[in-house]
Amino acid sequence: MRVFIFYYFLFISPLSVSAQTNSATKIDGNNYYDHMAENTKPPLKGGIVNMNWLRPDDVIPIIKDEMYKAGYTSLKINYNYKLPNDRILRINVFSQKANLGFYYINTHRATPFKSDRKNPELYLKEVAQLDVLPPNIFPLNENVYWYEYTDVKADDRYLVTRKIIENILRQDIRAYLIRYKH
């Protein structure tokens, strides 16, 4: 019995402690609003939690990369796309060969709302004077690609970081491309 107790504390007990401390929730597109510092009140060392959004210059290289990975070629940046009503809409990344692209709606609220994630065309009317995009143009909305930071790098483990948001953006782009292929 003593041998069992000795081996338990030596091998099994440290594993269970390790499992408890490493069981952090993976932040993804389904739950990142729940991890906003305003909601979780994490123990931060930095004074103020700052919020920022991905801008077109941040997003365009990511869209291009994901489209290339998916096999799309002949990609054009800031392409002037002619709409059925003869208006021109500047598409951030467009594949002429596949006739599909992404339009980044470049505006956001001061405070993000989880419900905005369900409405990718939010602000489309205000920004592009359109009610809906053509089915081959996919909306990405700056309003949902926010991230947090402080002046202390160690706080990143508690925050929705830029890297996390860039990965969520990549997931969203892949989801659009998969739906378009099928």
C-alpha atoms as a PDB file:
ATOM      1  CA  MET A   1       0.000   0.000   0.000  1.00  0.00           C
ATOM      2  CA  ARG A   2       2.815   2.423   0.803  1.00  0.00           C
ATOM      3  CA  VAL A   3       4.348   1.728  -2.577  1.00  0.00           C
ATOM      4  CA  PHE A   4       1.049   2.562  -4.266  1.00  0.00           C
ATOM      5  CA  ILE A   5       0.706   5.846  -2.366  1.00  0.00           C
ATOM      6  CA  PHE A   6       4.322   6.728  -3.158  1.00  0.00           C
ATOM      7  CA  TYR A   7       3.812   6.100  -6.892  1.00  0.00           C
ATOM      8  CA  TYR A   8       0.485   7.938  -6.849  1.00  0.00           C
ATOM      9  CA  PHE A   9       2.040  11.118  -5.487  1.00  0.00           C
ATOM     10  CA  LEU A  10       5.125  10.733  -7.626  1.00  0.00           C
ATOM     11  CA  PHE A  11       3.470  10.128 -11.032  1.00  0.00           C
ATOM     12  CA  ILE A  12      -0.305  10.495 -11.064  1.00  0.00           C
ATOM     13  CA  SER A  13      -0.834  13.534  -8.854  1.00  0.00           C
ATOM     14  CA  PRO A  14       1.464  15.834 -10.879  1.00  0.00           C
ATOM     15  CA  LEU A  15      -0.374  14.829 -14.064  1.00  0.00           C
ATOM     16  CA  SER A  16      -3.730  15.873 -12.664  1.00  0.00           C
ATOM     17  CA  VAL A  17      -2.369  19.229 -11.505  1.00  0.00           C
ATOM     18  CA  SER A  18      -0.792  19.769 -14.917  1.00  0.00           C
ATOM     19  CA  ALA A  19      -4.079  18.955 -16.640  1.00  0.00           C
ATOM     20  CA  GLN A  20      -5.935  21.499 -14.516  1.00  0.00           C
ATOM     21  CA  THR A  21      -3.559  24.362 -15.179  1.00  0.00           C
ATOM     22  CA  ASN A  22      -3.269  23.696 -18.933  1.00  0.00           C
ATOM     23  CA  SER A  23      -7.001  23.417 -19.613  1.00  0.00           C
ATOM     24  CA  ALA A  24      -7.407  26.972 -20.920  1.00  0.00           C
ATOM     25  CA  THR A  25     -10.332  27.485 -23.270  1.00  0.00           C
ATOM     26  CA  LYS A  26      -9.344  27.843 -26.907  1.00  0.00           C
ATOM     27  CA  ILE A  27     -10.560  31.185 -28.171  1.00  0.00           C
ATOM     28  CA  ASP A  28     -12.141  31.002 -31.617  1.00  0.00           C
ATOM     29  CA  GLY A  29     -14.787  32.642 -33.778  1.00  0.00           C
ATOM     30  CA  ASN A  30     -17.603  31.134 -31.720  1.00  0.00           C
ATOM     31  CA  ASN A  31     -16.528  32.346 -28.290  1.00  0.00           C
ATOM     32  CA  TYR A  32     -14.137  35.297 -28.546  1.00  0.00           C
ATOM     33  CA  TYR A  33     -16.726  37.871 -27.444  1.00  0.00           C
ATOM     34  CA  ASP A  34     -17.078  35.897 -24.209  1.00  0.00           C
ATOM     35  CA  HIS A  35     -13.352  36.415 -23.582  1.00  0.00           C
ATOM     36  CA  MET A  36     -13.415  40.210 -23.918  1.00  0.00           C
ATOM     37  CA  ALA A  37     -11.530  41.653 -20.925  1.00  0.00           C
ATOM     38  CA  GLU A  38     -14.543  43.813 -20.104  1.00  0.00           C
ATOM     39  CA  ASN A  39     -16.528  40.597 -19.500  1.00  0.00           C
ATOM     40  CA  THR A  40     -13.872  38.427 -17.817  1.00  0.00           C
ATOM     41  CA  LYS A  41     -12.098  41.000 -15.580  1.00  0.00           C
ATOM     42  CA  PRO A  42      -8.707  39.241 -15.814  1.00  0.00           C
ATOM     43  CA  PRO A  43      -5.821  39.967 -13.393  1.00  0.00           C
ATOM     44  CA  LEU A  44      -3.865  42.302 -15.675  1.00  0.00           C
ATOM     45  CA  LYS A  45      -0.523  43.914 -14.906  1.00  0.00           C
ATOM     46  CA  GLY A  46      -0.997  46.654 -17.502  1.00  0.00           C
ATOM     47  CA  GLY A  47      -3.074  49.632 -16.525  1.00  0.00           C
ATOM     48  CA  ILE A  48      -5.566  50.080 -19.355  1.00  0.00           C
ATOM     49  CA  VAL A  49      -6.976  47.558 -21.792  1.00  0.00           C
ATOM     50  CA  ASN A  50      -6.833  49.084 -25.259  1.00  0.00           C
ATOM     51  CA  MET A  51      -8.957  47.940 -28.174  1.00  0.00           C
ATOM     52  CA  ASN A  52      -8.206  48.183 -31.871  1.00  0.00           C
ATOM     53  CA  TRP A  53      -9.559  46.743 -35.112  1.00  0.00           C
ATOM     54  CA  LEU A  54      -7.931  45.169 -38.139  1.00  0.00           C
ATOM     55  CA  ARG A  55      -7.768  47.702 -40.950  1.00  0.00           C
ATOM     56  CA  PRO A  56      -7.797  47.011 -44.713  1.00  0.00           C
ATOM     57  CA  ASP A  57      -3.987  47.090 -44.852  1.00  0.00           C
ATOM     58  CA  ASP A  58      -3.932  44.342 -42.201  1.00  0.00           C
ATOM     59  CA  VAL A  59      -6.676  42.267 -43.805  1.00  0.00           C
ATOM     60  CA  ILE A  60      -5.724  42.315 -47.505  1.00  0.00           C
ATOM     61  CA  PRO A  61      -2.536  40.207 -47.120  1.00  0.00           C
ATOM     62  CA  ILE A  62      -4.468  37.651 -45.053  1.00  0.00           C
ATOM     63  CA  ILE A  63      -7.269  37.413 -47.640  1.00  0.00           C
ATOM     64  CA  LYS A  64      -4.713  37.012 -50.442  1.00  0.00           C
ATOM     65  CA  ASP A  65      -2.854  34.322 -48.510  1.00  0.00           C
ATOM     66  CA  GLU A  66      -6.007  32.309 -47.811  1.00  0.00           C
ATOM     67  CA  MET A  67      -7.223  32.632 -51.400  1.00  0.00           C
ATOM     68  CA  TYR A  68      -3.844  31.476 -52.741  1.00  0.00           C
ATOM     69  CA  LYS A  69      -3.870  28.520 -50.315  1.00  0.00           C
ATOM     70  CA  ALA A  70      -7.344  27.604 -51.598  1.00  0.00           C
ATOM     71  CA  GLY A  71      -6.051  27.623 -55.173  1.00  0.00           C
ATOM     72  CA  TYR A  72      -7.356  30.982 -56.394  1.00  0.00           C
ATOM     73  CA  THR A  73      -5.125  32.888 -58.802  1.00  0.00           C
ATOM     74  CA  SER A  74      -5.177  36.146 -60.757  1.00  0.00           C
ATOM     75  CA  LEU A  75      -5.833  38.056 -57.554  1.00  0.00           C
ATOM     76  CA  LYS A  76      -6.345  41.787 -57.833  1.00  0.00           C
ATOM     77  CA  ILE A  77      -6.110  44.252 -54.956  1.00  0.00           C
ATOM     78  CA  ASN A  78      -8.660  47.081 -54.717  1.00  0.00           C
ATOM     79  CA  TYR A  79     -10.370  45.885 -57.864  1.00  0.00           C
ATOM     80  CA  ASN A  80     -13.084  48.069 -59.413  1.00  0.00           C
ATOM     81  CA  TYR A  81     -16.011  45.658 -59.684  1.00  0.00           C
ATOM     82  CA  LYS A  82     -18.951  46.654 -61.850  1.00  0.00           C
ATOM     83  CA  LEU A  83     -22.284  45.964 -60.163  1.00  0.00           C
ATOM     84  CA  PRO A  84     -25.441  45.048 -62.126  1.00  0.00           C
ATOM     85  CA  ASN A  85     -26.701  48.646 -61.750  1.00  0.00           C
ATOM     86  CA  ASP A  86     -23.460  49.906 -63.415  1.00  0.00           C
ATOM     87  CA  ARG A  87     -22.085  51.271 -60.141  1.00  0.00           C
ATOM     88  CA  ILE A  88     -18.467  50.518 -59.311  1.00  0.00           C
ATOM     89  CA  LEU A  89     -17.542  48.911 -55.982  1.00  0.00           C
ATOM     90  CA  ARG A  90     -13.913  48.674 -54.974  1.00  0.00           C
ATOM     91  CA  ILE A  91     -13.355  45.054 -53.885  1.00  0.00           C
ATOM     92  CA  ASN A  92     -10.378  44.574 -51.548  1.00  0.00           C
ATOM     93  CA  VAL A  93      -9.257  41.251 -53.074  1.00  0.00           C
ATOM     94  CA  PHE A  94     -10.782  39.805 -56.232  1.00  0.00           C
ATOM     95  CA  SER A  95      -9.991  36.746 -58.360  1.00  0.00           C
ATOM     96  CA  GLN A  96     -10.790  37.567 -61.972  1.00  0.00           C
ATOM     97  CA  LYS A  97     -10.388  33.946 -62.988  1.00  0.00           C
ATOM     98  CA  ALA A  98     -12.944  32.694 -60.428  1.00  0.00           C
ATOM     99  CA  ASN A  99     -15.034  35.883 -60.438  1.00  0.00           C
ATOM    100  CA  LEU A 100     -15.126  36.100 -56.664  1.00  0.00           C
ATOM    101  CA  GLY A 101     -13.791  38.446 -54.025  1.00  0.00           C
ATOM    102  CA  PHE A 102     -13.931  39.910 -50.554  1.00  0.00           C
ATOM    103  CA  TYR A 103     -15.216  43.324 -49.576  1.00  0.00           C
ATOM    104  CA  TYR A 104     -14.006  44.611 -46.197  1.00  0.00           C
ATOM    105  CA  ILE A 105     -16.557  46.963 -44.648  1.00  0.00           C
ATOM    106  CA  ASN A 106     -14.207  49.477 -43.105  1.00  0.00           C
ATOM    107  CA  THR A 107     -16.042  50.918 -40.094  1.00  0.00           C
ATOM    108  CA  HIS A 108     -16.832  49.850 -36.541  1.00  0.00           C
ATOM    109  CA  ARG A 109     -18.724  50.722 -33.384  1.00  0.00           C
ATOM    110  CA  ALA A 110     -16.918  52.073 -30.345  1.00  0.00           C
ATOM    111  CA  THR A 111     -17.853  48.902 -28.440  1.00  0.00           C
ATOM    112  CA  PRO A 112     -18.244  45.495 -30.109  1.00  0.00           C
ATOM    113  CA  PHE A 113     -21.468  43.560 -29.697  1.00  0.00           C
ATOM    114  CA  LYS A 114     -21.674  39.790 -30.044  1.00  0.00           C
ATOM    115  CA  SER A 115     -24.830  40.114 -32.164  1.00  0.00           C
ATOM    116  CA  ASP A 116     -22.805  41.948 -34.846  1.00  0.00           C
ATOM    117  CA  ARG A 117     -21.001  38.698 -35.653  1.00  0.00           C
ATOM    118  CA  LYS A 118     -24.255  37.327 -37.095  1.00  0.00           C
ATOM    119  CA  ASN A 119     -24.646  40.266 -39.479  1.00  0.00           C
ATOM    120  CA  PRO A 120     -21.582  40.456 -41.755  1.00  0.00           C
ATOM    121  CA  GLU A 121     -23.234  43.108 -43.932  1.00  0.00           C
ATOM    122  CA  LEU A 122     -23.713  45.507 -41.009  1.00  0.00           C
ATOM    123  CA  TYR A 123     -22.893  49.041 -42.186  1.00  0.00           C
ATOM    124  CA  LEU A 124     -22.937  47.955 -45.846  1.00  0.00           C
ATOM    125  CA  LYS A 125     -25.621  50.532 -46.636  1.00  0.00           C
ATOM    126  CA  GLU A 126     -23.729  53.304 -44.831  1.00  0.00           C
ATOM    127  CA  VAL A 127     -20.335  52.518 -46.371  1.00  0.00           C
ATOM    128  CA  ALA A 128     -21.182  51.301 -49.881  1.00  0.00           C
ATOM    129  CA  GLN A 129     -24.775  52.524 -50.307  1.00  0.00           C
ATOM    130  CA  LEU A 130     -25.840  48.920 -50.987  1.00  0.00           C
ATOM    131  CA  ASP A 131     -28.472  46.735 -49.366  1.00  0.00           C
ATOM    132  CA  VAL A 132     -26.808  43.485 -50.369  1.00  0.00           C
ATOM    133  CA  LEU A 133     -23.633  42.340 -52.105  1.00  0.00           C
ATOM    134  CA  PRO A 134     -23.633  40.110 -55.200  1.00  0.00           C
ATOM    135  CA  PRO A 135     -23.378  36.408 -54.224  1.00  0.00           C
ATOM    136  CA  ASN A 136     -19.791  36.169 -55.501  1.00  0.00           C
ATOM    137  CA  ILE A 137     -18.589  39.034 -53.267  1.00  0.00           C
ATOM    138  CA  PHE A 138     -18.183  38.106 -49.612  1.00  0.00           C
ATOM    139  CA  PRO A 139     -18.492  40.686 -46.837  1.00  0.00           C
ATOM    140  CA  LEU A 140     -15.978  40.924 -44.027  1.00  0.00           C
ATOM    141  CA  ASN A 141     -16.845  43.499 -41.407  1.00  0.00           C
ATOM    142  CA  GLU A 142     -14.174  45.435 -39.505  1.00  0.00           C
ATOM    143  CA  ASN A 143     -16.644  45.708 -36.656  1.00  0.00           C
ATOM    144  CA  VAL A 144     -16.082  42.056 -35.666  1.00  0.00           C
ATOM    145  CA  TYR A 145     -12.287  41.920 -36.081  1.00  0.00           C
ATOM    146  CA  TRP A 146     -11.286  43.697 -32.860  1.00  0.00           C
ATOM    147  CA  TYR A 147      -8.460  42.829 -30.512  1.00  0.00           C
ATOM    148  CA  GLU A 148      -7.168  43.895 -27.108  1.00  0.00           C
ATOM    149  CA  TYR A 149      -3.769  44.793 -25.703  1.00  0.00           C
ATOM    150  CA  THR A 150      -2.081  46.467 -22.758  1.00  0.00           C
ATOM    151  CA  ASP A 151       1.393  47.876 -22.310  1.00  0.00           C
ATOM    152  CA  VAL A 152       2.450  44.589 -20.616  1.00  0.00           C
ATOM    153  CA  LYS A 153       3.056  41.670 -23.011  1.00  0.00           C
ATOM    154  CA  ALA A 154       2.340  39.076 -20.276  1.00  0.00           C
ATOM    155  CA  ASP A 155      -1.305  40.210 -20.233  1.00  0.00           C
ATOM    156  CA  ASP A 156      -1.807  38.698 -23.708  1.00  0.00           C
ATOM    157  CA  ARG A 157      -2.671  35.344 -22.140  1.00  0.00           C
ATOM    158  CA  TYR A 158      -5.886  36.889 -20.791  1.00  0.00           C
ATOM    159  CA  LEU A 159      -6.850  38.965 -23.821  1.00  0.00           C
ATOM    160  CA  VAL A 160      -8.291  38.515 -27.295  1.00  0.00           C
ATOM    161  CA  THR A 161      -5.049  39.358 -29.097  1.00  0.00           C
ATOM    162  CA  ARG A 162      -4.375  40.485 -32.623  1.00  0.00           C
ATOM    163  CA  LYS A 163      -3.000  37.030 -33.447  1.00  0.00           C
ATOM    164  CA  ILE A 164      -6.232  35.393 -32.258  1.00  0.00           C
ATOM    165  CA  ILE A 165      -8.324  37.797 -34.360  1.00  0.00           C
ATOM    166  CA  GLU A 166      -6.155  37.217 -37.423  1.00  0.00           C
ATOM    167  CA  ASN A 167      -6.768  33.466 -37.000  1.00  0.00           C
ATOM    168  CA  ILE A 168     -10.516  34.072 -36.672  1.00  0.00           C
ATOM    169  CA  LEU A 169     -10.397  36.153 -39.862  1.00  0.00           C
ATOM    170  CA  ARG A 170      -8.606  33.271 -41.611  1.00  0.00           C
ATOM    171  CA  GLN A 171     -11.301  30.849 -40.402  1.00  0.00           C
ATOM    172  CA  ASP A 172     -14.031  33.151 -41.722  1.00  0.00           C
ATOM    173  CA  ILE A 173     -12.351  33.481 -45.126  1.00  0.00           C
ATOM    174  CA  ARG A 174     -11.961  29.701 -45.393  1.00  0.00           C
ATOM    175  CA  ALA A 175     -15.629  29.221 -44.477  1.00  0.00           C
ATOM    176  CA  TYR A 176     -16.729  31.560 -47.303  1.00  0.00           C
ATOM    177  CA  LEU A 177     -14.422  29.861 -49.794  1.00  0.00           C
ATOM    178  CA  ILE A 178     -15.649  26.385 -48.841  1.00  0.00           C
ATOM    179  CA  ARG A 179     -19.289  27.468 -49.263  1.00  0.00           C
ATOM    180  CA  TYR A 180     -18.526  28.996 -52.645  1.00  0.00           C
ATOM    181  CA  LYS A 181     -16.859  25.852 -54.005  1.00  0.00           C
ATOM    182  CA  HIS A 182     -19.865  23.700 -53.160  1.00  0.00           C
END
